Amino acid sequence: GRDAYVGFLTGLMPTLVDYSMDVHRVVDAGPIVTAELTETMTWDGERVVTHEALVFDVTADDRIRRITIYIQPPAPSTTR
């Protein structure tokens, strides 16, 4: 539920090295809002960029009812 998710993020975010989030586009379609973004951080000494889309189901009083997160996997490596 909500409290578990907030607790997870509260514990995770301070541990991310060189973290940043860039929002590229937000689409508001009434009860559904989508945000396209990238999250960047340093992981095991390398910069990692994650492309994501977050879909928010919003109630009539503008509260988030549900969040669905889609993560684009990295393209397969062409080097062998």
C-alpha atoms as a PDB file:
ATOM      1  CA  GLY A   1       0.000   0.000   0.000  1.00  0.00           C
ATOM      2  CA  ARG A   2       0.823   3.666   0.156  1.00  0.00           C
ATOM      3  CA  ASP A   3       2.773   3.589   3.407  1.00  0.00           C
ATOM      4  CA  ALA A   4       4.950   0.676   2.253  1.00  0.00           C
ATOM      5  CA  TYR A   5       5.745   2.435  -1.052  1.00  0.00           C
ATOM      6  CA  VAL A   6       6.585   5.739   0.673  1.00  0.00           C
ATOM      7  CA  GLY A   7       8.752   3.835   3.153  1.00  0.00           C
ATOM      8  CA  PHE A   8      10.550   2.060   0.322  1.00  0.00           C
ATOM      9  CA  LEU A   9      11.291   5.344  -1.483  1.00  0.00           C
ATOM     10  CA  THR A  10      12.297   7.084   1.756  1.00  0.00           C
ATOM     11  CA  GLY A  11      14.897   4.383   2.394  1.00  0.00           C
ATOM     12  CA  LEU A  12      16.086   4.074  -1.209  1.00  0.00           C
ATOM     13  CA  MET A  13      16.484   7.664  -2.408  1.00  0.00           C
ATOM     14  CA  PRO A  14      19.252   8.746   0.026  1.00  0.00           C
ATOM     15  CA  THR A  15      21.357   5.741  -1.054  1.00  0.00           C
ATOM     16  CA  LEU A  16      21.407   6.640  -4.769  1.00  0.00           C
ATOM     17  CA  VAL A  17      24.701   8.238  -5.823  1.00  0.00           C
ATOM     18  CA  ASP A  18      24.574  11.282  -8.164  1.00  0.00           C
ATOM     19  CA  TYR A  19      20.832  10.780  -8.672  1.00  0.00           C
ATOM     20  CA  SER A  20      18.811  13.030 -10.951  1.00  0.00           C
ATOM     21  CA  MET A  21      15.406  12.876 -12.613  1.00  0.00           C
ATOM     22  CA  ASP A  22      14.482  14.690 -15.822  1.00  0.00           C
ATOM     23  CA  VAL A  23      10.816  14.917 -16.788  1.00  0.00           C
ATOM     24  CA  HIS A  24      10.490  15.089 -20.576  1.00  0.00           C
ATOM     25  CA  ARG A  25       6.735  15.114 -21.078  1.00  0.00           C
ATOM     26  CA  VAL A  26       3.502  15.045 -19.088  1.00  0.00           C
ATOM     27  CA  VAL A  27       0.167  14.164 -20.690  1.00  0.00           C
ATOM     28  CA  ASP A  28      -2.994  14.980 -18.735  1.00  0.00           C
ATOM     29  CA  ALA A  29      -5.974  12.979 -19.984  1.00  0.00           C
ATOM     30  CA  GLY A  30      -8.406  13.717 -17.171  1.00  0.00           C
ATOM     31  CA  PRO A  31      -8.389  10.783 -14.754  1.00  0.00           C
ATOM     32  CA  ILE A  32      -5.142   9.453 -16.255  1.00  0.00           C
ATOM     33  CA  VAL A  33      -1.851  11.386 -16.215  1.00  0.00           C
ATOM     34  CA  THR A  34       1.331  10.045 -17.827  1.00  0.00           C
ATOM     35  CA  ALA A  35       4.866  11.304 -17.195  1.00  0.00           C
ATOM     36  CA  GLU A  36       7.792  10.357 -19.439  1.00  0.00           C
ATOM     37  CA  LEU A  37      11.126  10.719 -17.644  1.00  0.00           C
ATOM     38  CA  THR A  38      14.692   9.557 -17.241  1.00  0.00           C
ATOM     39  CA  GLU A  39      16.409   8.750 -13.975  1.00  0.00           C
ATOM     40  CA  THR A  40      20.202   8.909 -13.889  1.00  0.00           C
ATOM     41  CA  MET A  41      22.553   7.682 -11.181  1.00  0.00           C
ATOM     42  CA  THR A  42      25.967   6.179 -10.601  1.00  0.00           C
ATOM     43  CA  TRP A  43      25.822   2.436  -9.952  1.00  0.00           C
ATOM     44  CA  ASP A  44      28.954   0.341  -9.376  1.00  0.00           C
ATOM     45  CA  GLY A  45      31.048   3.243 -10.679  1.00  0.00           C
ATOM     46  CA  GLU A  46      29.123   3.646 -13.956  1.00  0.00           C
ATOM     47  CA  ARG A  47      26.488   6.189 -14.999  1.00  0.00           C
ATOM     48  CA  VAL A  48      23.156   4.489 -15.568  1.00  0.00           C
ATOM     49  CA  VAL A  49      20.207   6.113 -17.357  1.00  0.00           C
ATOM     50  CA  THR A  50      16.757   4.564 -17.015  1.00  0.00           C
ATOM     51  CA  HIS A  51      13.935   5.619 -19.368  1.00  0.00           C
ATOM     52  CA  GLU A  52      10.498   5.342 -17.771  1.00  0.00           C
ATOM     53  CA  ALA A  53       6.836   6.169 -18.148  1.00  0.00           C
ATOM     54  CA  LEU A  54       4.675   6.595 -15.054  1.00  0.00           C
ATOM     55  CA  VAL A  55       0.902   6.324 -15.391  1.00  0.00           C
ATOM     56  CA  PHE A  56      -1.142   7.892 -12.596  1.00  0.00           C
ATOM     57  CA  ASP A  57      -4.825   7.090 -12.083  1.00  0.00           C
ATOM     58  CA  VAL A  58      -6.231  10.231 -10.436  1.00  0.00           C
ATOM     59  CA  THR A  59      -9.445  10.573  -8.430  1.00  0.00           C
ATOM     60  CA  ALA A  60     -12.013  13.347  -8.934  1.00  0.00           C
ATOM     61  CA  ASP A  61     -10.408  15.313  -6.067  1.00  0.00           C
ATOM     62  CA  ASP A  62      -6.931  15.073  -7.725  1.00  0.00           C
ATOM     63  CA  ARG A  63      -5.493  12.389  -5.454  1.00  0.00           C
ATOM     64  CA  ILE A  64      -3.346   9.597  -6.875  1.00  0.00           C
ATOM     65  CA  ARG A  65      -5.283   6.329  -6.720  1.00  0.00           C
ATOM     66  CA  ARG A  66      -2.711   4.130  -8.460  1.00  0.00           C
ATOM     67  CA  ILE A  67       0.727   4.404 -10.071  1.00  0.00           C
ATOM     68  CA  THR A  68       1.947   2.055 -12.787  1.00  0.00           C
ATOM     69  CA  ILE A  69       5.620   2.288 -13.762  1.00  0.00           C
ATOM     70  CA  TYR A  70       6.969   1.126 -17.129  1.00  0.00           C
ATOM     71  CA  ILE A  71      10.741   0.849 -17.543  1.00  0.00           C
ATOM     72  CA  GLN A  72      12.312   0.658 -20.989  1.00  0.00           C
ATOM     73  CA  PRO A  73      15.027  -2.004 -20.965  1.00  0.00           C
ATOM     74  CA  PRO A  74      18.400  -1.039 -22.436  1.00  0.00           C
ATOM     75  CA  ALA A  75      19.022  -1.957 -26.056  1.00  0.00           C
ATOM     76  CA  PRO A  76      20.946  -5.205 -26.474  1.00  0.00           C
ATOM     77  CA  SER A  77      24.677  -4.741 -26.892  1.00  0.00           C
ATOM     78  CA  THR A  78      25.950  -5.148 -30.458  1.00  0.00           C
ATOM     79  CA  THR A  79      29.529  -5.832 -29.345  1.00  0.00           C
ATOM     80  CA  ARG A  80      30.726  -9.346 -28.632  1.00  0.00           C
END
